[in-house]
PDBML (XML) file of the C-alpha atoms, coordinates in Angstrom:
<?xml version="1.0" encoding="UTF-8" ?>
<PDBx:datablock datablockName="MODEL"
   xmlns:PDBx="http://pdbml.pdb.org/schema/pdbx-v50.xsd"
   xmlns:xsi="http://www.w3.org/2001/XMLSchema-instance"
   xsi:schemaLocation="http://pdbml.pdb.org/schema/pdbx-v50.xsd pdbx-v50.xsd">
   <PDBx:atom_siteCategory>
      <PDBx:atom_site id="1">
         <PDBx:B_iso_or_equiv>0.00</PDBx:B_iso_or_equiv>
         <PDBx:Cartn_x>-10.417</PDBx:Cartn_x>
         <PDBx:Cartn_y>-9.703</PDBx:Cartn_y>
         <PDBx:Cartn_z>15.542</PDBx:Cartn_z>
         <PDBx:auth_asym_id>A</PDBx:auth_asym_id>
         <PDBx:auth_atom_id>CA</PDBx:auth_atom_id>
         <PDBx:auth_comp_id>SER</PDBx:auth_comp_id>
         <PDBx:auth_seq_id>1</PDBx:auth_seq_id>
         <PDBx:group_PDB>ATOM</PDBx:group_PDB>
         <PDBx:label_alt_id xsi:nil="true" />
         <PDBx:label_asym_id>A</PDBx:label_asym_id>
         <PDBx:label_atom_id>CA</PDBx:label_atom_id>
         <PDBx:label_comp_id>SER</PDBx:label_comp_id>
         <PDBx:label_entity_id>1</PDBx:label_entity_id>
         <PDBx:label_seq_id>1</PDBx:label_seq_id>
         <PDBx:occupancy>1.00</PDBx:occupancy>
         <PDBx:pdbx_PDB_model_num>1</PDBx:pdbx_PDB_model_num>
         <PDBx:type_symbol>C</PDBx:type_symbol>
      </PDBx:atom_site>
      <PDBx:atom_site id="2">
         <PDBx:B_iso_or_equiv>0.00</PDBx:B_iso_or_equiv>
         <PDBx:Cartn_x>-13.978</PDBx:Cartn_x>
         <PDBx:Cartn_y>-8.521</PDBx:Cartn_y>
         <PDBx:Cartn_z>14.762</PDBx:Cartn_z>
         <PDBx:auth_asym_id>A</PDBx:auth_asym_id>
         <PDBx:auth_atom_id>CA</PDBx:auth_atom_id>
         <PDBx:auth_comp_id>GLY</PDBx:auth_comp_id>
         <PDBx:auth_seq_id>2</PDBx:auth_seq_id>
         <PDBx:group_PDB>ATOM</PDBx:group_PDB>
         <PDBx:label_alt_id xsi:nil="true" />
         <PDBx:label_asym_id>A</PDBx:label_asym_id>
         <PDBx:label_atom_id>CA</PDBx:label_atom_id>
         <PDBx:label_comp_id>GLY</PDBx:label_comp_id>
         <PDBx:label_entity_id>1</PDBx:label_entity_id>
         <PDBx:label_seq_id>2</PDBx:label_seq_id>
         <PDBx:occupancy>1.00</PDBx:occupancy>
         <PDBx:pdbx_PDB_model_num>1</PDBx:pdbx_PDB_model_num>
         <PDBx:type_symbol>C</PDBx:type_symbol>
      </PDBx:atom_site>
      <PDBx:atom_site id="3">
         <PDBx:B_iso_or_equiv>0.00</PDBx:B_iso_or_equiv>
         <PDBx:Cartn_x>-14.487</PDBx:Cartn_x>
         <PDBx:Cartn_y>-11.914</PDBx:Cartn_y>
         <PDBx:Cartn_z>13.749</PDBx:Cartn_z>
         <PDBx:auth_asym_id>A</PDBx:auth_asym_id>
         <PDBx:auth_atom_id>CA</PDBx:auth_atom_id>
         <PDBx:auth_comp_id>THR</PDBx:auth_comp_id>
         <PDBx:auth_seq_id>3</PDBx:auth_seq_id>
         <PDBx:group_PDB>ATOM</PDBx:group_PDB>
         <PDBx:label_alt_id xsi:nil="true" />
         <PDBx:label_asym_id>A</PDBx:label_asym_id>
         <PDBx:label_atom_id>CA</PDBx:label_atom_id>
         <PDBx:label_comp_id>THR</PDBx:label_comp_id>
         <PDBx:label_entity_id>1</PDBx:label_entity_id>
         <PDBx:label_seq_id>3</PDBx:label_seq_id>
         <PDBx:occupancy>1.00</PDBx:occupancy>
         <PDBx:pdbx_PDB_model_num>1</PDBx:pdbx_PDB_model_num>
         <PDBx:type_symbol>C</PDBx:type_symbol>
      </PDBx:atom_site>
      <PDBx:atom_site id="4">
         <PDBx:B_iso_or_equiv>0.00</PDBx:B_iso_or_equiv>
         <PDBx:Cartn_x>-12.944</PDBx:Cartn_x>
         <PDBx:Cartn_y>-15.088</PDBx:Cartn_y>
         <PDBx:Cartn_z>13.082</PDBx:Cartn_z>
         <PDBx:auth_asym_id>A</PDBx:auth_asym_id>
         <PDBx:auth_atom_id>CA</PDBx:auth_atom_id>
         <PDBx:auth_comp_id>THR</PDBx:auth_comp_id>
         <PDBx:auth_seq_id>4</PDBx:auth_seq_id>
         <PDBx:group_PDB>ATOM</PDBx:group_PDB>
         <PDBx:label_alt_id xsi:nil="true" />
         <PDBx:label_asym_id>A</PDBx:label_asym_id>
         <PDBx:label_atom_id>CA</PDBx:label_atom_id>
         <PDBx:label_comp_id>THR</PDBx:label_comp_id>
         <PDBx:label_entity_id>1</PDBx:label_entity_id>
         <PDBx:label_seq_id>4</PDBx:label_seq_id>
         <PDBx:occupancy>1.00</PDBx:occupancy>
         <PDBx:pdbx_PDB_model_num>1</PDBx:pdbx_PDB_model_num>
         <PDBx:type_symbol>C</PDBx:type_symbol>
      </PDBx:atom_site>
      <PDBx:atom_site id="5">
         <PDBx:B_iso_or_equiv>0.00</PDBx:B_iso_or_equiv>
         <PDBx:Cartn_x>-13.204</PDBx:Cartn_x>
         <PDBx:Cartn_y>-14.938</PDBx:Cartn_y>
         <PDBx:Cartn_z>9.927</PDBx:Cartn_z>
         <PDBx:auth_asym_id>A</PDBx:auth_asym_id>
         <PDBx:auth_atom_id>CA</PDBx:auth_atom_id>
         <PDBx:auth_comp_id>SER</PDBx:auth_comp_id>
         <PDBx:auth_seq_id>5</PDBx:auth_seq_id>
         <PDBx:group_PDB>ATOM</PDBx:group_PDB>
         <PDBx:label_alt_id xsi:nil="true" />
         <PDBx:label_asym_id>A</PDBx:label_asym_id>
         <PDBx:label_atom_id>CA</PDBx:label_atom_id>
         <PDBx:label_comp_id>SER</PDBx:label_comp_id>
         <PDBx:label_entity_id>1</PDBx:label_entity_id>
         <PDBx:label_seq_id>5</PDBx:label_seq_id>
         <PDBx:occupancy>1.00</PDBx:occupancy>
         <PDBx:pdbx_PDB_model_num>1</PDBx:pdbx_PDB_model_num>
         <PDBx:type_symbol>C</PDBx:type_symbol>
      </PDBx:atom_site>
      <PDBx:atom_site id="6">
         <PDBx:B_iso_or_equiv>0.00</PDBx:B_iso_or_equiv>
         <PDBx:Cartn_x>-11.950</PDBx:Cartn_x>
         <PDBx:Cartn_y>-11.957</PDBx:Cartn_y>
         <PDBx:Cartn_z>9.762</PDBx:Cartn_z>
         <PDBx:auth_asym_id>A</PDBx:auth_asym_id>
         <PDBx:auth_atom_id>CA</PDBx:auth_atom_id>
         <PDBx:auth_comp_id>GLY</PDBx:auth_comp_id>
         <PDBx:auth_seq_id>6</PDBx:auth_seq_id>
         <PDBx:group_PDB>ATOM</PDBx:group_PDB>
         <PDBx:label_alt_id xsi:nil="true" />
         <PDBx:label_asym_id>A</PDBx:label_asym_id>
         <PDBx:label_atom_id>CA</PDBx:label_atom_id>
         <PDBx:label_comp_id>GLY</PDBx:label_comp_id>
         <PDBx:label_entity_id>1</PDBx:label_entity_id>
         <PDBx:label_seq_id>6</PDBx:label_seq_id>
         <PDBx:occupancy>1.00</PDBx:occupancy>
         <PDBx:pdbx_PDB_model_num>1</PDBx:pdbx_PDB_model_num>
         <PDBx:type_symbol>C</PDBx:type_symbol>
      </PDBx:atom_site>
      <PDBx:atom_site id="7">
         <PDBx:B_iso_or_equiv>0.00</PDBx:B_iso_or_equiv>
         <PDBx:Cartn_x>-8.264</PDBx:Cartn_x>
         <PDBx:Cartn_y>-13.099</PDBx:Cartn_y>
         <PDBx:Cartn_z>10.834</PDBx:Cartn_z>
         <PDBx:auth_asym_id>A</PDBx:auth_asym_id>
         <PDBx:auth_atom_id>CA</PDBx:auth_atom_id>
         <PDBx:auth_comp_id>THR</PDBx:auth_comp_id>
         <PDBx:auth_seq_id>7</PDBx:auth_seq_id>
         <PDBx:group_PDB>ATOM</PDBx:group_PDB>
         <PDBx:label_alt_id xsi:nil="true" />
         <PDBx:label_asym_id>A</PDBx:label_asym_id>
         <PDBx:label_atom_id>CA</PDBx:label_atom_id>
         <PDBx:label_comp_id>THR</PDBx:label_comp_id>
         <PDBx:label_entity_id>1</PDBx:label_entity_id>
         <PDBx:label_seq_id>7</PDBx:label_seq_id>
         <PDBx:occupancy>1.00</PDBx:occupancy>
         <PDBx:pdbx_PDB_model_num>1</PDBx:pdbx_PDB_model_num>
         <PDBx:type_symbol>C</PDBx:type_symbol>
      </PDBx:atom_site>
      <PDBx:atom_site id="8">
         <PDBx:B_iso_or_equiv>0.00</PDBx:B_iso_or_equiv>
         <PDBx:Cartn_x>-7.263</PDBx:Cartn_x>
         <PDBx:Cartn_y>-14.079</PDBx:Cartn_y>
         <PDBx:Cartn_z>7.982</PDBx:Cartn_z>
         <PDBx:auth_asym_id>A</PDBx:auth_asym_id>
         <PDBx:auth_atom_id>CA</PDBx:auth_atom_id>
         <PDBx:auth_comp_id>PHE</PDBx:auth_comp_id>
         <PDBx:auth_seq_id>8</PDBx:auth_seq_id>
         <PDBx:group_PDB>ATOM</PDBx:group_PDB>
         <PDBx:label_alt_id xsi:nil="true" />
         <PDBx:label_asym_id>A</PDBx:label_asym_id>
         <PDBx:label_atom_id>CA</PDBx:label_atom_id>
         <PDBx:label_comp_id>PHE</PDBx:label_comp_id>
         <PDBx:label_entity_id>1</PDBx:label_entity_id>
         <PDBx:label_seq_id>8</PDBx:label_seq_id>
         <PDBx:occupancy>1.00</PDBx:occupancy>
         <PDBx:pdbx_PDB_model_num>1</PDBx:pdbx_PDB_model_num>
         <PDBx:type_symbol>C</PDBx:type_symbol>
      </PDBx:atom_site>
      <PDBx:atom_site id="9">
         <PDBx:B_iso_or_equiv>0.00</PDBx:B_iso_or_equiv>
         <PDBx:Cartn_x>-7.049</PDBx:Cartn_x>
         <PDBx:Cartn_y>-10.278</PDBx:Cartn_y>
         <PDBx:Cartn_z>6.692</PDBx:Cartn_z>
         <PDBx:auth_asym_id>A</PDBx:auth_asym_id>
         <PDBx:auth_atom_id>CA</PDBx:auth_atom_id>
         <PDBx:auth_comp_id>ALA</PDBx:auth_comp_id>
         <PDBx:auth_seq_id>9</PDBx:auth_seq_id>
         <PDBx:group_PDB>ATOM</PDBx:group_PDB>
         <PDBx:label_alt_id xsi:nil="true" />
         <PDBx:label_asym_id>A</PDBx:label_asym_id>
         <PDBx:label_atom_id>CA</PDBx:label_atom_id>
         <PDBx:label_comp_id>ALA</PDBx:label_comp_id>
         <PDBx:label_entity_id>1</PDBx:label_entity_id>
         <PDBx:label_seq_id>9</PDBx:label_seq_id>
         <PDBx:occupancy>1.00</PDBx:occupancy>
         <PDBx:pdbx_PDB_model_num>1</PDBx:pdbx_PDB_model_num>
         <PDBx:type_symbol>C</PDBx:type_symbol>
      </PDBx:atom_site>
      <PDBx:atom_site id="10">
         <PDBx:B_iso_or_equiv>0.00</PDBx:B_iso_or_equiv>
         <PDBx:Cartn_x>-5.992</PDBx:Cartn_x>
         <PDBx:Cartn_y>-8.794</PDBx:Cartn_y>
         <PDBx:Cartn_z>9.606</PDBx:Cartn_z>
         <PDBx:auth_asym_id>A</PDBx:auth_asym_id>
         <PDBx:auth_atom_id>CA</PDBx:auth_atom_id>
         <PDBx:auth_comp_id>ARG</PDBx:auth_comp_id>
         <PDBx:auth_seq_id>10</PDBx:auth_seq_id>
         <PDBx:group_PDB>ATOM</PDBx:group_PDB>
         <PDBx:label_alt_id xsi:nil="true" />
         <PDBx:label_asym_id>A</PDBx:label_asym_id>
         <PDBx:label_atom_id>CA</PDBx:label_atom_id>
         <PDBx:label_comp_id>ARG</PDBx:label_comp_id>
         <PDBx:label_entity_id>1</PDBx:label_entity_id>
         <PDBx:label_seq_id>10</PDBx:label_seq_id>
         <PDBx:occupancy>1.00</PDBx:occupancy>
         <PDBx:pdbx_PDB_model_num>1</PDBx:pdbx_PDB_model_num>
         <PDBx:type_symbol>C</PDBx:type_symbol>
      </PDBx:atom_site>
      <PDBx:atom_site id="11">
         <PDBx:B_iso_or_equiv>0.00</PDBx:B_iso_or_equiv>
         <PDBx:Cartn_x>-3.290</PDBx:Cartn_x>
         <PDBx:Cartn_y>-11.073</PDBx:Cartn_y>
         <PDBx:Cartn_z>9.643</PDBx:Cartn_z>
         <PDBx:auth_asym_id>A</PDBx:auth_asym_id>
         <PDBx:auth_atom_id>CA</PDBx:auth_atom_id>
         <PDBx:auth_comp_id>LEU</PDBx:auth_comp_id>
         <PDBx:auth_seq_id>11</PDBx:auth_seq_id>
         <PDBx:group_PDB>ATOM</PDBx:group_PDB>
         <PDBx:label_alt_id xsi:nil="true" />
         <PDBx:label_asym_id>A</PDBx:label_asym_id>
         <PDBx:label_atom_id>CA</PDBx:label_atom_id>
         <PDBx:label_comp_id>LEU</PDBx:label_comp_id>
         <PDBx:label_entity_id>1</PDBx:label_entity_id>
         <PDBx:label_seq_id>11</PDBx:label_seq_id>
         <PDBx:occupancy>1.00</PDBx:occupancy>
         <PDBx:pdbx_PDB_model_num>1</PDBx:pdbx_PDB_model_num>
         <PDBx:type_symbol>C</PDBx:type_symbol>
      </PDBx:atom_site>
      <PDBx:atom_site id="12">
         <PDBx:B_iso_or_equiv>0.00</PDBx:B_iso_or_equiv>
         <PDBx:Cartn_x>-2.324</PDBx:Cartn_x>
         <PDBx:Cartn_y>-10.244</PDBx:Cartn_y>
         <PDBx:Cartn_z>5.649</PDBx:Cartn_z>
         <PDBx:auth_asym_id>A</PDBx:auth_asym_id>
         <PDBx:auth_atom_id>CA</PDBx:auth_atom_id>
         <PDBx:auth_comp_id>ILE</PDBx:auth_comp_id>
         <PDBx:auth_seq_id>12</PDBx:auth_seq_id>
         <PDBx:group_PDB>ATOM</PDBx:group_PDB>
         <PDBx:label_alt_id xsi:nil="true" />
         <PDBx:label_asym_id>A</PDBx:label_asym_id>
         <PDBx:label_atom_id>CA</PDBx:label_atom_id>
         <PDBx:label_comp_id>ILE</PDBx:label_comp_id>
         <PDBx:label_entity_id>1</PDBx:label_entity_id>
         <PDBx:label_seq_id>12</PDBx:label_seq_id>
         <PDBx:occupancy>1.00</PDBx:occupancy>
         <PDBx:pdbx_PDB_model_num>1</PDBx:pdbx_PDB_model_num>
         <PDBx:type_symbol>C</PDBx:type_symbol>
      </PDBx:atom_site>
      <PDBx:atom_site id="13">
         <PDBx:B_iso_or_equiv>0.00</PDBx:B_iso_or_equiv>
         <PDBx:Cartn_x>-2.033</PDBx:Cartn_x>
         <PDBx:Cartn_y>-6.819</PDBx:Cartn_y>
         <PDBx:Cartn_z>6.988</PDBx:Cartn_z>
         <PDBx:auth_asym_id>A</PDBx:auth_asym_id>
         <PDBx:auth_atom_id>CA</PDBx:auth_atom_id>
         <PDBx:auth_comp_id>ASN</PDBx:auth_comp_id>
         <PDBx:auth_seq_id>13</PDBx:auth_seq_id>
         <PDBx:group_PDB>ATOM</PDBx:group_PDB>
         <PDBx:label_alt_id xsi:nil="true" />
         <PDBx:label_asym_id>A</PDBx:label_asym_id>
         <PDBx:label_atom_id>CA</PDBx:label_atom_id>
         <PDBx:label_comp_id>ASN</PDBx:label_comp_id>
         <PDBx:label_entity_id>1</PDBx:label_entity_id>
         <PDBx:label_seq_id>13</PDBx:label_seq_id>
         <PDBx:occupancy>1.00</PDBx:occupancy>
         <PDBx:pdbx_PDB_model_num>1</PDBx:pdbx_PDB_model_num>
         <PDBx:type_symbol>C</PDBx:type_symbol>
      </PDBx:atom_site>
      <PDBx:atom_site id="14">
         <PDBx:B_iso_or_equiv>0.00</PDBx:B_iso_or_equiv>
         <PDBx:Cartn_x>0.509</PDBx:Cartn_x>
         <PDBx:Cartn_y>-7.789</PDBx:Cartn_y>
         <PDBx:Cartn_z>8.565</PDBx:Cartn_z>
         <PDBx:auth_asym_id>A</PDBx:auth_asym_id>
         <PDBx:auth_atom_id>CA</PDBx:auth_atom_id>
         <PDBx:auth_comp_id>MET</PDBx:auth_comp_id>
         <PDBx:auth_seq_id>14</PDBx:auth_seq_id>
         <PDBx:group_PDB>ATOM</PDBx:group_PDB>
         <PDBx:label_alt_id xsi:nil="true" />
         <PDBx:label_asym_id>A</PDBx:label_asym_id>
         <PDBx:label_atom_id>CA</PDBx:label_atom_id>
         <PDBx:label_comp_id>MET</PDBx:label_comp_id>
         <PDBx:label_entity_id>1</PDBx:label_entity_id>
         <PDBx:label_seq_id>14</PDBx:label_seq_id>
         <PDBx:occupancy>1.00</PDBx:occupancy>
         <PDBx:pdbx_PDB_model_num>1</PDBx:pdbx_PDB_model_num>
         <PDBx:type_symbol>C</PDBx:type_symbol>
      </PDBx:atom_site>
      <PDBx:atom_site id="15">
         <PDBx:B_iso_or_equiv>0.00</PDBx:B_iso_or_equiv>
         <PDBx:Cartn_x>2.319</PDBx:Cartn_x>
         <PDBx:Cartn_y>-8.894</PDBx:Cartn_y>
         <PDBx:Cartn_z>5.680</PDBx:Cartn_z>
         <PDBx:auth_asym_id>A</PDBx:auth_asym_id>
         <PDBx:auth_atom_id>CA</PDBx:auth_atom_id>
         <PDBx:auth_comp_id>ASN</PDBx:auth_comp_id>
         <PDBx:auth_seq_id>15</PDBx:auth_seq_id>
         <PDBx:group_PDB>ATOM</PDBx:group_PDB>
         <PDBx:label_alt_id xsi:nil="true" />
         <PDBx:label_asym_id>A</PDBx:label_asym_id>
         <PDBx:label_atom_id>CA</PDBx:label_atom_id>
         <PDBx:label_comp_id>ASN</PDBx:label_comp_id>
         <PDBx:label_entity_id>1</PDBx:label_entity_id>
         <PDBx:label_seq_id>15</PDBx:label_seq_id>
         <PDBx:occupancy>1.00</PDBx:occupancy>
         <PDBx:pdbx_PDB_model_num>1</PDBx:pdbx_PDB_model_num>
         <PDBx:type_symbol>C</PDBx:type_symbol>
      </PDBx:atom_site>
      <PDBx:atom_site id="16">
         <PDBx:B_iso_or_equiv>0.00</PDBx:B_iso_or_equiv>
         <PDBx:Cartn_x>1.713</PDBx:Cartn_x>
         <PDBx:Cartn_y>-12.615</PDBx:Cartn_y>
         <PDBx:Cartn_z>5.721</PDBx:Cartn_z>
         <PDBx:auth_asym_id>A</PDBx:auth_asym_id>
         <PDBx:auth_atom_id>CA</PDBx:auth_atom_id>
         <PDBx:auth_comp_id>ILE</PDBx:auth_comp_id>
         <PDBx:auth_seq_id>16</PDBx:auth_seq_id>
         <PDBx:group_PDB>ATOM</PDBx:group_PDB>
         <PDBx:label_alt_id xsi:nil="true" />
         <PDBx:label_asym_id>A</PDBx:label_asym_id>
         <PDBx:label_atom_id>CA</PDBx:label_atom_id>
         <PDBx:label_comp_id>ILE</PDBx:label_comp_id>
         <PDBx:label_entity_id>1</PDBx:label_entity_id>
         <PDBx:label_seq_id>16</PDBx:label_seq_id>
         <PDBx:occupancy>1.00</PDBx:occupancy>
         <PDBx:pdbx_PDB_model_num>1</PDBx:pdbx_PDB_model_num>
         <PDBx:type_symbol>C</PDBx:type_symbol>
      </PDBx:atom_site>
      <PDBx:atom_site id="17">
         <PDBx:B_iso_or_equiv>0.00</PDBx:B_iso_or_equiv>
         <PDBx:Cartn_x>1.636</PDBx:Cartn_x>
         <PDBx:Cartn_y>-14.194</PDBx:Cartn_y>
         <PDBx:Cartn_z>2.739</PDBx:Cartn_z>
         <PDBx:auth_asym_id>A</PDBx:auth_asym_id>
         <PDBx:auth_atom_id>CA</PDBx:auth_atom_id>
         <PDBx:auth_comp_id>GLU</PDBx:auth_comp_id>
         <PDBx:auth_seq_id>17</PDBx:auth_seq_id>
         <PDBx:group_PDB>ATOM</PDBx:group_PDB>
         <PDBx:label_alt_id xsi:nil="true" />
         <PDBx:label_asym_id>A</PDBx:label_asym_id>
         <PDBx:label_atom_id>CA</PDBx:label_atom_id>
         <PDBx:label_comp_id>GLU</PDBx:label_comp_id>
         <PDBx:label_entity_id>1</PDBx:label_entity_id>
         <PDBx:label_seq_id>17</PDBx:label_seq_id>
         <PDBx:occupancy>1.00</PDBx:occupancy>
         <PDBx:pdbx_PDB_model_num>1</PDBx:pdbx_PDB_model_num>
         <PDBx:type_symbol>C</PDBx:type_symbol>
      </PDBx:atom_site>
      <PDBx:atom_site id="18">
         <PDBx:B_iso_or_equiv>0.00</PDBx:B_iso_or_equiv>
         <PDBx:Cartn_x>-1.807</PDBx:Cartn_x>
         <PDBx:Cartn_y>-15.790</PDBx:Cartn_y>
         <PDBx:Cartn_z>1.904</PDBx:Cartn_z>
         <PDBx:auth_asym_id>A</PDBx:auth_asym_id>
         <PDBx:auth_atom_id>CA</PDBx:auth_atom_id>
         <PDBx:auth_comp_id>PRO</PDBx:auth_comp_id>
         <PDBx:auth_seq_id>18</PDBx:auth_seq_id>
         <PDBx:group_PDB>ATOM</PDBx:group_PDB>
         <PDBx:label_alt_id xsi:nil="true" />
         <PDBx:label_asym_id>A</PDBx:label_asym_id>
         <PDBx:label_atom_id>CA</PDBx:label_atom_id>
         <PDBx:label_comp_id>PRO</PDBx:label_comp_id>
         <PDBx:label_entity_id>1</PDBx:label_entity_id>
         <PDBx:label_seq_id>18</PDBx:label_seq_id>
         <PDBx:occupancy>1.00</PDBx:occupancy>
         <PDBx:pdbx_PDB_model_num>1</PDBx:pdbx_PDB_model_num>
         <PDBx:type_symbol>C</PDBx:type_symbol>
      </PDBx:atom_site>
      <PDBx:atom_site id="19">
         <PDBx:B_iso_or_equiv>0.00</PDBx:B_iso_or_equiv>
         <PDBx:Cartn_x>-0.264</PDBx:Cartn_x>
         <PDBx:Cartn_y>-19.197</PDBx:Cartn_y>
         <PDBx:Cartn_z>1.287</PDBx:Cartn_z>
         <PDBx:auth_asym_id>A</PDBx:auth_asym_id>
         <PDBx:auth_atom_id>CA</PDBx:auth_atom_id>
         <PDBx:auth_comp_id>PHE</PDBx:auth_comp_id>
         <PDBx:auth_seq_id>19</PDBx:auth_seq_id>
         <PDBx:group_PDB>ATOM</PDBx:group_PDB>
         <PDBx:label_alt_id xsi:nil="true" />
         <PDBx:label_asym_id>A</PDBx:label_asym_id>
         <PDBx:label_atom_id>CA</PDBx:label_atom_id>
         <PDBx:label_comp_id>PHE</PDBx:label_comp_id>
         <PDBx:label_entity_id>1</PDBx:label_entity_id>
         <PDBx:label_seq_id>19</PDBx:label_seq_id>
         <PDBx:occupancy>1.00</PDBx:occupancy>
         <PDBx:pdbx_PDB_model_num>1</PDBx:pdbx_PDB_model_num>
         <PDBx:type_symbol>C</PDBx:type_symbol>
      </PDBx:atom_site>
      <PDBx:atom_site id="20">
         <PDBx:B_iso_or_equiv>0.00</PDBx:B_iso_or_equiv>
         <PDBx:Cartn_x>1.230</PDBx:Cartn_x>
         <PDBx:Cartn_y>-19.296</PDBx:Cartn_y>
         <PDBx:Cartn_z>4.619</PDBx:Cartn_z>
         <PDBx:auth_asym_id>A</PDBx:auth_asym_id>
         <PDBx:auth_atom_id>CA</PDBx:auth_atom_id>
         <PDBx:auth_comp_id>LEU</PDBx:auth_comp_id>
         <PDBx:auth_seq_id>20</PDBx:auth_seq_id>
         <PDBx:group_PDB>ATOM</PDBx:group_PDB>
         <PDBx:label_alt_id xsi:nil="true" />
         <PDBx:label_asym_id>A</PDBx:label_asym_id>
         <PDBx:label_atom_id>CA</PDBx:label_atom_id>
         <PDBx:label_comp_id>LEU</PDBx:label_comp_id>
         <PDBx:label_entity_id>1</PDBx:label_entity_id>
         <PDBx:label_seq_id>20</PDBx:label_seq_id>
         <PDBx:occupancy>1.00</PDBx:occupancy>
         <PDBx:pdbx_PDB_model_num>1</PDBx:pdbx_PDB_model_num>
         <PDBx:type_symbol>C</PDBx:type_symbol>
      </PDBx:atom_site>
      <PDBx:atom_site id="21">
         <PDBx:B_iso_or_equiv>0.00</PDBx:B_iso_or_equiv>
         <PDBx:Cartn_x>-1.531</PDBx:Cartn_x>
         <PDBx:Cartn_y>-18.908</PDBx:Cartn_y>
         <PDBx:Cartn_z>6.219</PDBx:Cartn_z>
         <PDBx:auth_asym_id>A</PDBx:auth_asym_id>
         <PDBx:auth_atom_id>CA</PDBx:auth_atom_id>
         <PDBx:auth_comp_id>LEU</PDBx:auth_comp_id>
         <PDBx:auth_seq_id>21</PDBx:auth_seq_id>
         <PDBx:group_PDB>ATOM</PDBx:group_PDB>
         <PDBx:label_alt_id xsi:nil="true" />
         <PDBx:label_asym_id>A</PDBx:label_asym_id>
         <PDBx:label_atom_id>CA</PDBx:label_atom_id>
         <PDBx:label_comp_id>LEU</PDBx:label_comp_id>
         <PDBx:label_entity_id>1</PDBx:label_entity_id>
         <PDBx:label_seq_id>21</PDBx:label_seq_id>
         <PDBx:occupancy>1.00</PDBx:occupancy>
         <PDBx:pdbx_PDB_model_num>1</PDBx:pdbx_PDB_model_num>
         <PDBx:type_symbol>C</PDBx:type_symbol>
      </PDBx:atom_site>
      <PDBx:atom_site id="22">
         <PDBx:B_iso_or_equiv>0.00</PDBx:B_iso_or_equiv>
         <PDBx:Cartn_x>-4.030</PDBx:Cartn_x>
         <PDBx:Cartn_y>-21.303</PDBx:Cartn_y>
         <PDBx:Cartn_z>4.813</PDBx:Cartn_z>
         <PDBx:auth_asym_id>A</PDBx:auth_asym_id>
         <PDBx:auth_atom_id>CA</PDBx:auth_atom_id>
         <PDBx:auth_comp_id>ALA</PDBx:auth_comp_id>
         <PDBx:auth_seq_id>22</PDBx:auth_seq_id>
         <PDBx:group_PDB>ATOM</PDBx:group_PDB>
         <PDBx:label_alt_id xsi:nil="true" />
         <PDBx:label_asym_id>A</PDBx:label_asym_id>
         <PDBx:label_atom_id>CA</PDBx:label_atom_id>
         <PDBx:label_comp_id>ALA</PDBx:label_comp_id>
         <PDBx:label_entity_id>1</PDBx:label_entity_id>
         <PDBx:label_seq_id>22</PDBx:label_seq_id>
         <PDBx:occupancy>1.00</PDBx:occupancy>
         <PDBx:pdbx_PDB_model_num>1</PDBx:pdbx_PDB_model_num>
         <PDBx:type_symbol>C</PDBx:type_symbol>
      </PDBx:atom_site>
      <PDBx:atom_site id="23">
         <PDBx:B_iso_or_equiv>0.00</PDBx:B_iso_or_equiv>
         <PDBx:Cartn_x>-1.045</PDBx:Cartn_x>
         <PDBx:Cartn_y>-24.143</PDBx:Cartn_y>
         <PDBx:Cartn_z>5.090</PDBx:Cartn_z>
         <PDBx:auth_asym_id>A</PDBx:auth_asym_id>
         <PDBx:auth_atom_id>CA</PDBx:auth_atom_id>
         <PDBx:auth_comp_id>SER</PDBx:auth_comp_id>
         <PDBx:auth_seq_id>23</PDBx:auth_seq_id>
         <PDBx:group_PDB>ATOM</PDBx:group_PDB>
         <PDBx:label_alt_id xsi:nil="true" />
         <PDBx:label_asym_id>A</PDBx:label_asym_id>
         <PDBx:label_atom_id>CA</PDBx:label_atom_id>
         <PDBx:label_comp_id>SER</PDBx:label_comp_id>
         <PDBx:label_entity_id>1</PDBx:label_entity_id>
         <PDBx:label_seq_id>23</PDBx:label_seq_id>
         <PDBx:occupancy>1.00</PDBx:occupancy>
         <PDBx:pdbx_PDB_model_num>1</PDBx:pdbx_PDB_model_num>
         <PDBx:type_symbol>C</PDBx:type_symbol>
      </PDBx:atom_site>
      <PDBx:atom_site id="24">
         <PDBx:B_iso_or_equiv>0.00</PDBx:B_iso_or_equiv>
         <PDBx:Cartn_x>-0.723</PDBx:Cartn_x>
         <PDBx:Cartn_y>-23.198</PDBx:Cartn_y>
         <PDBx:Cartn_z>8.562</PDBx:Cartn_z>
         <PDBx:auth_asym_id>A</PDBx:auth_asym_id>
         <PDBx:auth_atom_id>CA</PDBx:auth_atom_id>
         <PDBx:auth_comp_id>THR</PDBx:auth_comp_id>
         <PDBx:auth_seq_id>24</PDBx:auth_seq_id>
         <PDBx:group_PDB>ATOM</PDBx:group_PDB>
         <PDBx:label_alt_id xsi:nil="true" />
         <PDBx:label_asym_id>A</PDBx:label_asym_id>
         <PDBx:label_atom_id>CA</PDBx:label_atom_id>
         <PDBx:label_comp_id>THR</PDBx:label_comp_id>
         <PDBx:label_entity_id>1</PDBx:label_entity_id>
         <PDBx:label_seq_id>24</PDBx:label_seq_id>
         <PDBx:occupancy>1.00</PDBx:occupancy>
         <PDBx:pdbx_PDB_model_num>1</PDBx:pdbx_PDB_model_num>
         <PDBx:type_symbol>C</PDBx:type_symbol>
      </PDBx:atom_site>
      <PDBx:atom_site id="25">
         <PDBx:B_iso_or_equiv>0.00</PDBx:B_iso_or_equiv>
         <PDBx:Cartn_x>-3.794</PDBx:Cartn_x>
         <PDBx:Cartn_y>-22.350</PDBx:Cartn_y>
         <PDBx:Cartn_z>10.156</PDBx:Cartn_z>
         <PDBx:auth_asym_id>A</PDBx:auth_asym_id>
         <PDBx:auth_atom_id>CA</PDBx:auth_atom_id>
         <PDBx:auth_comp_id>ILE</PDBx:auth_comp_id>
         <PDBx:auth_seq_id>25</PDBx:auth_seq_id>
         <PDBx:group_PDB>ATOM</PDBx:group_PDB>
         <PDBx:label_alt_id xsi:nil="true" />
         <PDBx:label_asym_id>A</PDBx:label_asym_id>
         <PDBx:label_atom_id>CA</PDBx:label_atom_id>
         <PDBx:label_comp_id>ILE</PDBx:label_comp_id>
         <PDBx:label_entity_id>1</PDBx:label_entity_id>
         <PDBx:label_seq_id>25</PDBx:label_seq_id>
         <PDBx:occupancy>1.00</PDBx:occupancy>
         <PDBx:pdbx_PDB_model_num>1</PDBx:pdbx_PDB_model_num>
         <PDBx:type_symbol>C</PDBx:type_symbol>
      </PDBx:atom_site>
   </PDBx:atom_siteCategory>
</PDBx:datablock>
């Protein structure tokens, strides 16, 4: 990922649900 903050968009583009990212990362 280009930036730390861009990590979430990168994973969302992998079809990972945002609530899963918010609860685990």
